[in-house]
Amino acid sequence: MAKLSKEQIAFNMSKIPGWRLNEDRIERSFEFEGFRQALSFINQIAEYADQMNHHPDFTLRFNRVMLTLTTHDDRGLTGKDFALAQRINKLLPSKGKAV
């Protein structure tokens, strides 16, 4: 997949509320009631990631999940990153906040 231009990135950012652009990646954090809920959320994302063959970087700290998306092979953002971010937002759109 081709690396997106700055204009394409700006357009796609409007489609993924709660995410923040950080150089060549997008990031978002989610807070949950506890560890089990946070871990369950990661497992749900893992299902999507495997289906798409596109895997985010996760950080789990008790009840907080921090996600980073970038396409490592292309050294930047591609349509895969934004497609996965949209799927993640459909899981819990109101639970997250920008990092």
PDB file of N, CA and C in Angstrom:
ATOM      1  N   MET A   1       0.843  -1.173   0.000  1.00  0.00           N
ATOM      2  CA  MET A   1       0.000   0.000   0.000  1.00  0.00           C
ATOM      3  C   MET A   1       0.890   1.238   0.000  1.00  0.00           C
ATOM      4  N   ALA A   2       0.463   2.272  -0.711  1.00  0.00           N
ATOM      5  CA  ALA A   2       1.277   3.476  -0.847  1.00  0.00           C
ATOM      6  C   ALA A   2       1.153   4.389   0.374  1.00  0.00           C
ATOM      7  N   LYS A   3       2.260   4.999   0.721  1.00  0.00           N
ATOM      8  CA  LYS A   3       2.306   5.988   1.798  1.00  0.00           C
ATOM      9  C   LYS A   3       1.445   7.184   1.386  1.00  0.00           C
ATOM     10  N   LEU A   4       0.659   7.704   2.333  1.00  0.00           N
ATOM     11  CA  LEU A   4      -0.252   8.818   2.052  1.00  0.00           C
ATOM     12  C   LEU A   4       0.475  10.162   2.070  1.00  0.00           C
ATOM     13  N   SER A   5      -0.051  11.083   1.263  1.00  0.00           N
ATOM     14  CA  SER A   5       0.474  12.454   1.249  1.00  0.00           C
ATOM     15  C   SER A   5      -0.058  13.210   2.463  1.00  0.00           C
ATOM     16  N   LYS A   6       0.520  14.367   2.744  1.00  0.00           N
ATOM     17  CA  LYS A   6       0.044  15.197   3.862  1.00  0.00           C
ATOM     18  C   LYS A   6      -1.423  15.560   3.688  1.00  0.00           C
ATOM     19  N   GLU A   7      -1.836  15.836   2.464  1.00  0.00           N
ATOM     20  CA  GLU A   7      -3.231  16.191   2.182  1.00  0.00           C
ATOM     21  C   GLU A   7      -4.154  15.001   2.442  1.00  0.00           C
ATOM     22  N   GLN A   8      -3.737  13.815   2.028  1.00  0.00           N
ATOM     23  CA  GLN A   8      -4.538  12.619   2.259  1.00  0.00           C
ATOM     24  C   GLN A   8      -4.627  12.297   3.746  1.00  0.00           C
ATOM     25  N   ILE A   9      -3.545  12.497   4.467  1.00  0.00           N
ATOM     26  CA  ILE A   9      -3.549  12.270   5.913  1.00  0.00           C
ATOM     27  C   ILE A   9      -4.515  13.236   6.589  1.00  0.00           C
ATOM     28  N   ALA A  10      -4.453  14.508   6.227  1.00  0.00           N
ATOM     29  CA  ALA A  10      -5.353  15.505   6.823  1.00  0.00           C
ATOM     30  C   ALA A  10      -6.815  15.142   6.555  1.00  0.00           C
ATOM     31  N   PHE A  11      -7.118  14.717   5.354  1.00  0.00           N
ATOM     32  CA  PHE A  11      -8.486  14.316   5.004  1.00  0.00           C
ATOM     33  C   PHE A  11      -8.926  13.133   5.859  1.00  0.00           C
ATOM     34  N   ASN A  12      -8.074  12.133   5.991  1.00  0.00           N
ATOM     35  CA  ASN A  12      -8.425  10.932   6.746  1.00  0.00           C
ATOM     36  C   ASN A  12      -8.515  11.178   8.245  1.00  0.00           C
ATOM     37  N   MET A  13      -7.761  12.125   8.772  1.00  0.00           N
ATOM     38  CA  MET A  13      -7.832  12.433  10.195  1.00  0.00           C
ATOM     39  C   MET A  13      -9.237  12.884  10.587  1.00  0.00           C
ATOM     40  N   SER A  14      -9.945  13.533   9.688  1.00  0.00           N
ATOM     41  CA  SER A  14     -11.306  14.000   9.985  1.00  0.00           C
ATOM     42  C   SER A  14     -12.280  12.834  10.142  1.00  0.00           C
ATOM     43  N   LYS A  15     -11.898  11.646   9.694  1.00  0.00           N
ATOM     44  CA  LYS A  15     -12.759  10.470   9.754  1.00  0.00           C
ATOM     45  C   LYS A  15     -12.530   9.628  11.007  1.00  0.00           C
ATOM     46  N   ILE A  16     -11.536  10.012  11.819  1.00  0.00           N
ATOM     47  CA  ILE A  16     -11.208   9.197  12.999  1.00  0.00           C
ATOM     48  C   ILE A  16     -11.121  10.080  14.256  1.00  0.00           C
ATOM     49  N   PRO A  17     -12.268  10.537  14.746  1.00  0.00           N
ATOM     50  CA  PRO A  17     -12.257  11.386  15.945  1.00  0.00           C
ATOM     51  C   PRO A  17     -11.597  10.675  17.125  1.00  0.00           C
ATOM     52  N   GLY A  18     -10.876  11.468  17.918  1.00  0.00           N
ATOM     53  CA  GLY A  18     -10.207  10.942  19.095  1.00  0.00           C
ATOM     54  C   GLY A  18      -8.756  10.551  18.853  1.00  0.00           C
ATOM     55  N   TRP A  19      -8.345  10.452  17.590  1.00  0.00           N
ATOM     56  CA  TRP A  19      -6.973  10.089  17.247  1.00  0.00           C
ATOM     57  C   TRP A  19      -6.150  11.341  17.060  1.00  0.00           C
ATOM     58  N   ARG A  20      -4.842  11.210  17.312  1.00  0.00           N
ATOM     59  CA  ARG A  20      -3.909  12.328  17.192  1.00  0.00           C
ATOM     60  C   ARG A  20      -2.801  11.925  16.230  1.00  0.00           C
ATOM     61  N   LEU A  21      -2.456  12.836  15.364  1.00  0.00           N
ATOM     62  CA  LEU A  21      -1.347  12.638  14.439  1.00  0.00           C
ATOM     63  C   LEU A  21      -0.045  12.978  15.153  1.00  0.00           C
ATOM     64  N   ASN A  22       0.926  12.076  15.061  1.00  0.00           N
ATOM     65  CA  ASN A  22       2.238  12.287  15.670  1.00  0.00           C
ATOM     66  C   ASN A  22       3.285  11.853  14.651  1.00  0.00           C
ATOM     67  N   GLU A  23       3.742  12.782  13.859  1.00  0.00           N
ATOM     68  CA  GLU A  23       4.722  12.549  12.796  1.00  0.00           C
ATOM     69  C   GLU A  23       4.210  11.512  11.805  1.00  0.00           C
ATOM     70  N   ASP A  24       4.765  10.307  11.810  1.00  0.00           N
ATOM     71  CA  ASP A  24       4.396   9.292  10.822  1.00  0.00           C
ATOM     72  C   ASP A  24       3.490   8.203  11.407  1.00  0.00           C
ATOM     73  N   ARG A  25       2.726   8.568  12.448  1.00  0.00           N
ATOM     74  CA  ARG A  25       1.838   7.608  13.080  1.00  0.00           C
ATOM     75  C   ARG A  25       0.618   8.331  13.657  1.00  0.00           C
ATOM     76  N   ILE A  26      -0.408   7.537  13.970  1.00  0.00           N
ATOM     77  CA  ILE A  26      -1.582   8.070  14.662  1.00  0.00           C
ATOM     78  C   ILE A  26      -1.715   7.332  15.987  1.00  0.00           C
ATOM     79  N   GLU A  27      -2.226   8.052  17.007  1.00  0.00           N
ATOM     80  CA  GLU A  27      -2.268   7.512  18.364  1.00  0.00           C
ATOM     81  C   GLU A  27      -3.597   7.829  19.028  1.00  0.00           C
ATOM     82  N   ARG A  28      -3.990   6.940  19.921  1.00  0.00           N
ATOM     83  CA  ARG A  28      -5.187   7.177  20.724  1.00  0.00           C
ATOM     84  C   ARG A  28      -5.085   6.356  21.996  1.00  0.00           C
ATOM     85  N   SER A  29      -5.641   6.856  23.072  1.00  0.00           N
ATOM     86  CA  SER A  29      -5.688   6.088  24.316  1.00  0.00           C
ATOM     87  C   SER A  29      -7.143   5.884  24.721  1.00  0.00           C
ATOM     88  N   PHE A  30      -7.362   4.805  25.438  1.00  0.00           N
ATOM     89  CA  PHE A  30      -8.683   4.451  25.938  1.00  0.00           C
ATOM     90  C   PHE A  30      -8.555   4.115  27.412  1.00  0.00           C
ATOM     91  N   GLU A  31      -9.538   4.538  28.195  1.00  0.00           N
ATOM     92  CA  GLU A  31      -9.559   4.207  29.622  1.00  0.00           C
ATOM     93  C   GLU A  31     -10.783   3.355  29.917  1.00  0.00           C
ATOM     94  N   PHE A  32     -10.601   2.369  30.793  1.00  0.00           N
ATOM     95  CA  PHE A  32     -11.647   1.421  31.135  1.00  0.00           C
ATOM     96  C   PHE A  32     -11.817   1.341  32.646  1.00  0.00           C
ATOM     97  N   GLU A  33     -12.848   0.611  33.069  1.00  0.00           N
ATOM     98  CA  GLU A  33     -13.098   0.452  34.501  1.00  0.00           C
ATOM     99  C   GLU A  33     -11.989  -0.326  35.192  1.00  0.00           C
ATOM    100  N   GLY A  34     -11.400  -1.271  34.486  1.00  0.00           N
ATOM    101  CA  GLY A  34     -10.368  -2.089  35.096  1.00  0.00           C
ATOM    102  C   GLY A  34      -9.525  -2.809  34.067  1.00  0.00           C
ATOM    103  N   PHE A  35      -8.615  -3.640  34.581  1.00  0.00           N
ATOM    104  CA  PHE A  35      -7.662  -4.361  33.743  1.00  0.00           C
ATOM    105  C   PHE A  35      -8.352  -5.318  32.781  1.00  0.00           C
ATOM    106  N   ARG A  36      -9.326  -6.089  33.272  1.00  0.00           N
ATOM    107  CA  ARG A  36      -9.987  -7.081  32.425  1.00  0.00           C
ATOM    108  C   ARG A  36     -10.689  -6.439  31.231  1.00  0.00           C
ATOM    109  N   GLN A  37     -11.342  -5.308  31.442  1.00  0.00           N
ATOM    110  CA  GLN A  37     -12.025  -4.624  30.345  1.00  0.00           C
ATOM    111  C   GLN A  37     -11.015  -4.116  29.320  1.00  0.00           C
ATOM    112  N   ALA A  38      -9.897  -3.597  29.801  1.00  0.00           N
ATOM    113  CA  ALA A  38      -8.851  -3.111  28.896  1.00  0.00           C
ATOM    114  C   ALA A  38      -8.270  -4.257  28.076  1.00  0.00           C
ATOM    115  N   LEU A  39      -8.020  -5.376  28.723  1.00  0.00           N
ATOM    116  CA  LEU A  39      -7.474  -6.537  28.031  1.00  0.00           C
ATOM    117  C   LEU A  39      -8.477  -7.111  27.029  1.00  0.00           C
ATOM    118  N   SER A  40      -9.731  -7.126  27.371  1.00  0.00           N
ATOM    119  CA  SER A  40     -10.778  -7.579  26.451  1.00  0.00           C
ATOM    120  C   SER A  40     -10.811  -6.706  25.188  1.00  0.00           C
ATOM    121  N   PHE A  41     -10.659  -5.412  25.378  1.00  0.00           N
ATOM    122  CA  PHE A  41     -10.621  -4.477  24.254  1.00  0.00           C
ATOM    123  C   PHE A  41      -9.443  -4.793  23.325  1.00  0.00           C
ATOM    124  N   ILE A  42      -8.284  -5.050  23.903  1.00  0.00           N
ATOM    125  CA  ILE A  42      -7.113  -5.406  23.100  1.00  0.00           C
ATOM    126  C   ILE A  42      -7.382  -6.680  22.302  1.00  0.00           C
ATOM    127  N   ASN A  43      -8.018  -7.658  22.931  1.00  0.00           N
ATOM    128  CA  ASN A  43      -8.323  -8.902  22.224  1.00  0.00           C
ATOM    129  C   ASN A  43      -9.292  -8.682  21.069  1.00  0.00           C
ATOM    130  N   GLN A  44     -10.251  -7.779  21.235  1.00  0.00           N
ATOM    131  CA  GLN A  44     -11.168  -7.454  20.137  1.00  0.00           C
ATOM    132  C   GLN A  44     -10.403  -6.814  18.975  1.00  0.00           C
ATOM    133  N   ILE A  45      -9.505  -5.913  19.292  1.00  0.00           N
ATOM    134  CA  ILE A  45      -8.701  -5.263  18.255  1.00  0.00           C
ATOM    135  C   ILE A  45      -7.820  -6.287  17.547  1.00  0.00           C
ATOM    136  N   ALA A  46      -7.293  -7.242  18.309  1.00  0.00           N
ATOM    137  CA  ALA A  46      -6.430  -8.269  17.723  1.00  0.00           C
ATOM    138  C   ALA A  46      -7.166  -9.059  16.645  1.00  0.00           C
ATOM    139  N   GLU A  47      -8.455  -9.313  16.833  1.00  0.00           N
ATOM    140  CA  GLU A  47      -9.242 -10.013  15.810  1.00  0.00           C
ATOM    141  C   GLU A  47      -9.269  -9.213  14.506  1.00  0.00           C
ATOM    142  N   TYR A  48      -9.572  -7.925  14.608  1.00  0.00           N
ATOM    143  CA  TYR A  48      -9.578  -7.061  13.416  1.00  0.00           C
ATOM    144  C   TYR A  48      -8.193  -7.002  12.785  1.00  0.00           C
ATOM    145  N   ALA A  49      -7.184  -6.832  13.610  1.00  0.00           N
ATOM    146  CA  ALA A  49      -5.818  -6.692  13.108  1.00  0.00           C
ATOM    147  C   ALA A  49      -5.392  -7.931  12.333  1.00  0.00           C
ATOM    148  N   ASP A  50      -5.716  -9.093  12.847  1.00  0.00           N
ATOM    149  CA  ASP A  50      -5.369 -10.326  12.135  1.00  0.00           C
ATOM    150  C   ASP A  50      -6.120 -10.436  10.813  1.00  0.00           C
ATOM    151  N   GLN A  51      -7.394 -10.077  10.809  1.00  0.00           N
ATOM    152  CA  GLN A  51      -8.181 -10.108   9.570  1.00  0.00           C
ATOM    153  C   GLN A  51      -7.586  -9.189   8.514  1.00  0.00           C
ATOM    154  N   MET A  52      -7.093  -8.034   8.955  1.00  0.00           N
ATOM    155  CA  MET A  52      -6.536  -7.036   8.032  1.00  0.00           C
ATOM    156  C   MET A  52      -5.051  -7.263   7.748  1.00  0.00           C
ATOM    157  N   ASN A  53      -4.424  -8.149   8.507  1.00  0.00           N
ATOM    158  CA  ASN A  53      -2.976  -8.350   8.437  1.00  0.00           C
ATOM    159  C   ASN A  53      -2.246  -7.013   8.631  1.00  0.00           C
ATOM    160  N   HIS A  54      -2.704  -6.289   9.636  1.00  0.00           N
ATOM    161  CA  HIS A  54      -2.128  -4.984   9.975  1.00  0.00           C
ATOM    162  C   HIS A  54      -2.228  -4.826  11.485  1.00  0.00           C
ATOM    163  N   HIS A  55      -1.094  -4.772  12.161  1.00  0.00           N
ATOM    164  CA  HIS A  55      -1.091  -4.890  13.616  1.00  0.00           C
ATOM    165  C   HIS A  55      -0.594  -3.621  14.304  1.00  0.00           C
ATOM    166  N   PRO A  56      -1.402  -3.090  15.226  1.00  0.00           N
ATOM    167  CA  PRO A  56      -1.006  -1.888  15.954  1.00  0.00           C
ATOM    168  C   PRO A  56      -0.004  -2.198  17.054  1.00  0.00           C
ATOM    169  N   ASP A  57       0.635  -1.152  17.541  1.00  0.00           N
ATOM    170  CA  ASP A  57       1.459  -1.250  18.737  1.00  0.00           C
ATOM    171  C   ASP A  57       0.551  -0.920  19.920  1.00  0.00           C
ATOM    172  N   PHE A  58       0.572  -1.776  20.941  1.00  0.00           N
ATOM    173  CA  PHE A  58      -0.251  -1.611  22.138  1.00  0.00           C
ATOM    174  C   PHE A  58       0.631  -1.313  23.331  1.00  0.00           C
ATOM    175  N   THR A  59       0.101  -0.489  24.228  1.00  0.00           N
ATOM    176  CA  THR A  59       0.656  -0.367  25.570  1.00  0.00           C
ATOM    177  C   THR A  59      -0.525  -0.503  26.515  1.00  0.00           C
ATOM    178  N   LEU A  60      -0.396  -1.384  27.482  1.00  0.00           N
ATOM    179  CA  LEU A  60      -1.448  -1.608  28.473  1.00  0.00           C
ATOM    180  C   LEU A  60      -0.899  -1.254  29.841  1.00  0.00           C
ATOM    181  N   ARG A  61      -1.582  -0.330  30.512  1.00  0.00           N
ATOM    182  CA  ARG A  61      -1.237   0.054  31.883  1.00  0.00           C
ATOM    183  C   ARG A  61      -2.505  -0.002  32.717  1.00  0.00           C
ATOM    184  N   PHE A  62      -2.670  -1.100  33.396  1.00  0.00           N
ATOM    185  CA  PHE A  62      -3.833  -1.401  34.228  1.00  0.00           C
ATOM    186  C   PHE A  62      -5.140  -1.202  33.470  1.00  0.00           C
ATOM    187  N   ASN A  63      -5.729  -0.015  33.488  1.00  0.00           N
ATOM    188  CA  ASN A  63      -7.017   0.198  32.843  1.00  0.00           C
ATOM    189  C   ASN A  63      -6.913   1.116  31.617  1.00  0.00           C
ATOM    190  N   ARG A  64      -5.707   1.341  31.157  1.00  0.00           N
ATOM    191  CA  ARG A  64      -5.513   2.265  30.036  1.00  0.00           C
ATOM    192  C   ARG A  64      -4.794   1.540  28.893  1.00  0.00           C
ATOM    193  N   VAL A  65      -5.359   1.681  27.703  1.00  0.00           N
ATOM    194  CA  VAL A  65      -4.768   1.107  26.495  1.00  0.00           C
ATOM    195  C   VAL A  65      -4.351   2.257  25.592  1.00  0.00           C
ATOM    196  N   MET A  66      -3.088   2.241  25.196  1.00  0.00           N
ATOM    197  CA  MET A  66      -2.584   3.237  24.254  1.00  0.00           C
ATOM    198  C   MET A  66      -2.233   2.521  22.954  1.00  0.00           C
ATOM    199  N   LEU A  67      -2.752   3.039  21.850  1.00  0.00           N
ATOM    200  CA  LEU A  67      -2.552   2.433  20.542  1.00  0.00           C
ATOM    201  C   LEU A  67      -1.747   3.349  19.647  1.00  0.00           C
ATOM    202  N   THR A  68      -0.891   2.760  18.848  1.00  0.00           N
ATOM    203  CA  THR A  68      -0.149   3.492  17.825  1.00  0.00           C
ATOM    204  C   THR A  68      -0.286   2.722  16.521  1.00  0.00           C
ATOM    205  N   LEU A  69      -0.664   3.436  15.470  1.00  0.00           N
ATOM    206  CA  LEU A  69      -0.796   2.836  14.149  1.00  0.00           C
ATOM    207  C   LEU A  69       0.156   3.515  13.172  1.00  0.00           C
ATOM    208  N   THR A  70       0.884   2.716  12.424  1.00  0.00           N
ATOM    209  CA  THR A  70       1.722   3.157  11.314  1.00  0.00           C
ATOM    210  C   THR A  70       1.981   1.929  10.462  1.00  0.00           C
ATOM    211  N   THR A  71       2.320   2.129   9.223  1.00  0.00           N
ATOM    212  CA  THR A  71       2.642   1.003   8.340  1.00  0.00           C
ATOM    213  C   THR A  71       4.158   0.914   8.272  1.00  0.00           C
ATOM    214  N   HIS A  72       4.709  -0.014   9.022  1.00  0.00           N
ATOM    215  CA  HIS A  72       6.159  -0.132   9.138  1.00  0.00           C
ATOM    216  C   HIS A  72       6.830  -0.394   7.787  1.00  0.00           C
ATOM    217  N   ASP A  73       6.231  -1.251   6.963  1.00  0.00           N
ATOM    218  CA  ASP A  73       6.829  -1.571   5.664  1.00  0.00           C
ATOM    219  C   ASP A  73       6.963  -0.342   4.767  1.00  0.00           C
ATOM    220  N   ASP A  74       6.015   0.585   4.884  1.00  0.00           N
ATOM    221  CA  ASP A  74       6.033   1.791   4.052  1.00  0.00           C
ATOM    222  C   ASP A  74       6.604   3.002   4.769  1.00  0.00           C
ATOM    223  N   ARG A  75       7.012   2.813   6.015  1.00  0.00           N
ATOM    224  CA  ARG A  75       7.608   3.885   6.829  1.00  0.00           C
ATOM    225  C   ARG A  75       6.732   5.127   6.908  1.00  0.00           C
ATOM    226  N   GLY A  76       5.469   4.909   7.197  1.00  0.00           N
ATOM    227  CA  GLY A  76       4.550   6.029   7.333  1.00  0.00           C
ATOM    228  C   GLY A  76       3.116   5.555   7.347  1.00  0.00           C
ATOM    229  N   LEU A  77       2.207   6.484   7.155  1.00  0.00           N
ATOM    230  CA  LEU A  77       0.783   6.195   7.204  1.00  0.00           C
ATOM    231  C   LEU A  77       0.254   5.794   5.829  1.00  0.00           C
ATOM    232  N   THR A  78      -0.581   4.756   5.840  1.00  0.00           N
ATOM    233  CA  THR A  78      -1.253   4.300   4.630  1.00  0.00           C
ATOM    234  C   THR A  78      -2.742   4.167   4.922  1.00  0.00           C
ATOM    235  N   GLY A  79      -3.489   3.802   3.927  1.00  0.00           N
ATOM    236  CA  GLY A  79      -4.920   3.582   4.106  1.00  0.00           C
ATOM    237  C   GLY A  79      -5.221   2.505   5.130  1.00  0.00           C
ATOM    238  N   LYS A  80      -4.323   1.542   5.297  1.00  0.00           N
ATOM    239  CA  LYS A  80      -4.519   0.484   6.293  1.00  0.00           C
ATOM    240  C   LYS A  80      -4.639   1.050   7.704  1.00  0.00           C
ATOM    241  N   ASP A  81      -3.830   2.054   8.003  1.00  0.00           N
ATOM    242  CA  ASP A  81      -3.852   2.642   9.347  1.00  0.00           C
ATOM    243  C   ASP A  81      -5.198   3.297   9.631  1.00  0.00           C
ATOM    244  N   PHE A  82      -5.699   4.025   8.666  1.00  0.00           N
ATOM    245  CA  PHE A  82      -6.968   4.726   8.866  1.00  0.00           C
ATOM    246  C   PHE A  82      -8.150   3.766   8.857  1.00  0.00           C
ATOM    247  N   ALA A  83      -8.079   2.718   8.055  1.00  0.00           N
ATOM    248  CA  ALA A  83      -9.147   1.713   8.049  1.00  0.00           C
ATOM    249  C   ALA A  83      -9.217   1.010   9.403  1.00  0.00           C
ATOM    250  N   LEU A  84      -8.072   0.653   9.975  1.00  0.00           N
ATOM    251  CA  LEU A  84      -8.066   0.001  11.281  1.00  0.00           C
ATOM    252  C   LEU A  84      -8.526   0.967  12.369  1.00  0.00           C
ATOM    253  N   ALA A  85      -8.111   2.215  12.306  1.00  0.00           N
ATOM    254  CA  ALA A  85      -8.553   3.207  13.293  1.00  0.00           C
ATOM    255  C   ALA A  85     -10.072   3.370  13.261  1.00  0.00           C
ATOM    256  N   GLN A  86     -10.662   3.363  12.075  1.00  0.00           N
ATOM    257  CA  GLN A  86     -12.123   3.468  11.969  1.00  0.00           C
ATOM    258  C   GLN A  86     -12.799   2.258  12.600  1.00  0.00           C
ATOM    259  N   ARG A  87     -12.259   1.070  12.384  1.00  0.00           N
ATOM    260  CA  ARG A  87     -12.833  -0.136  12.987  1.00  0.00           C
ATOM    261  C   ARG A  87     -12.699  -0.096  14.506  1.00  0.00           C
ATOM    262  N   ILE A  88     -11.582   0.378  14.996  1.00  0.00           N
ATOM    263  CA  ILE A  88     -11.376   0.496  16.443  1.00  0.00           C
ATOM    264  C   ILE A  88     -12.372   1.494  17.029  1.00  0.00           C
ATOM    265  N   ASN A  89     -12.580   2.609  16.359  1.00  0.00           N
ATOM    266  CA  ASN A  89     -13.530   3.616  16.850  1.00  0.00           C
ATOM    267  C   ASN A  89     -14.940   3.051  16.952  1.00  0.00           C
ATOM    268  N   LYS A  90     -15.299   2.120  16.090  1.00  0.00           N
ATOM    269  CA  LYS A  90     -16.641   1.528  16.152  1.00  0.00           C
ATOM    270  C   LYS A  90     -16.813   0.632  17.371  1.00  0.00           C
ATOM    271  N   LEU A  91     -15.715   0.124  17.912  1.00  0.00           N
ATOM    272  CA  LEU A  91     -15.803  -0.711  19.106  1.00  0.00           C
ATOM    273  C   LEU A  91     -16.242   0.096  20.321  1.00  0.00           C
ATOM    274  N   LEU A  92     -15.551   1.203  20.578  1.00  0.00           N
ATOM    275  CA  LEU A  92     -15.818   2.025  21.765  1.00  0.00           C
ATOM    276  C   LEU A  92     -15.570   3.495  21.445  1.00  0.00           C
ATOM    277  N   PRO A  93     -16.385   4.102  20.615  1.00  0.00           N
ATOM    278  CA  PRO A  93     -16.081   5.462  20.179  1.00  0.00           C
ATOM    279  C   PRO A  93     -16.045   6.493  21.284  1.00  0.00           C
ATOM    280  N   SER A  94     -16.782   6.294  22.364  1.00  0.00           N
ATOM    281  CA  SER A  94     -16.836   7.326  23.413  1.00  0.00           C
ATOM    282  C   SER A  94     -15.864   7.061  24.562  1.00  0.00           C
ATOM    283  N   LYS A  95     -15.196   5.931  24.579  1.00  0.00           N
ATOM    284  CA  LYS A  95     -14.325   5.584  25.698  1.00  0.00           C
ATOM    285  C   LYS A  95     -12.932   6.185  25.594  1.00  0.00           C
ATOM    286  N   GLY A  96     -12.527   6.530  24.377  1.00  0.00           N
ATOM    287  CA  GLY A  96     -11.156   6.963  24.210  1.00  0.00           C
ATOM    288  C   GLY A  96     -10.971   8.449  24.205  1.00  0.00           C
ATOM    289  N   LYS A  97      -9.725   8.835  24.339  1.00  0.00           N
ATOM    290  CA  LYS A  97      -9.374  10.244  24.214  1.00  0.00           C
ATOM    291  C   LYS A  97      -8.008  10.318  23.568  1.00  0.00           C
ATOM    292  N   ALA A  98      -7.733  11.412  22.925  1.00  0.00           N
ATOM    293  CA  ALA A  98      -6.445  11.564  22.264  1.00  0.00           C
ATOM    294  C   ALA A  98      -5.332  11.536  23.286  1.00  0.00           C
ATOM    295  N   VAL A  99      -4.223  10.946  22.915  1.00  0.00           N
ATOM    296  CA  VAL A  99      -3.056  10.849  23.791  1.00  0.00           C
ATOM    297  C   VAL A  99      -2.448  12.220  23.952  1.00  0.00           C
TER     298      VAL A  99
END
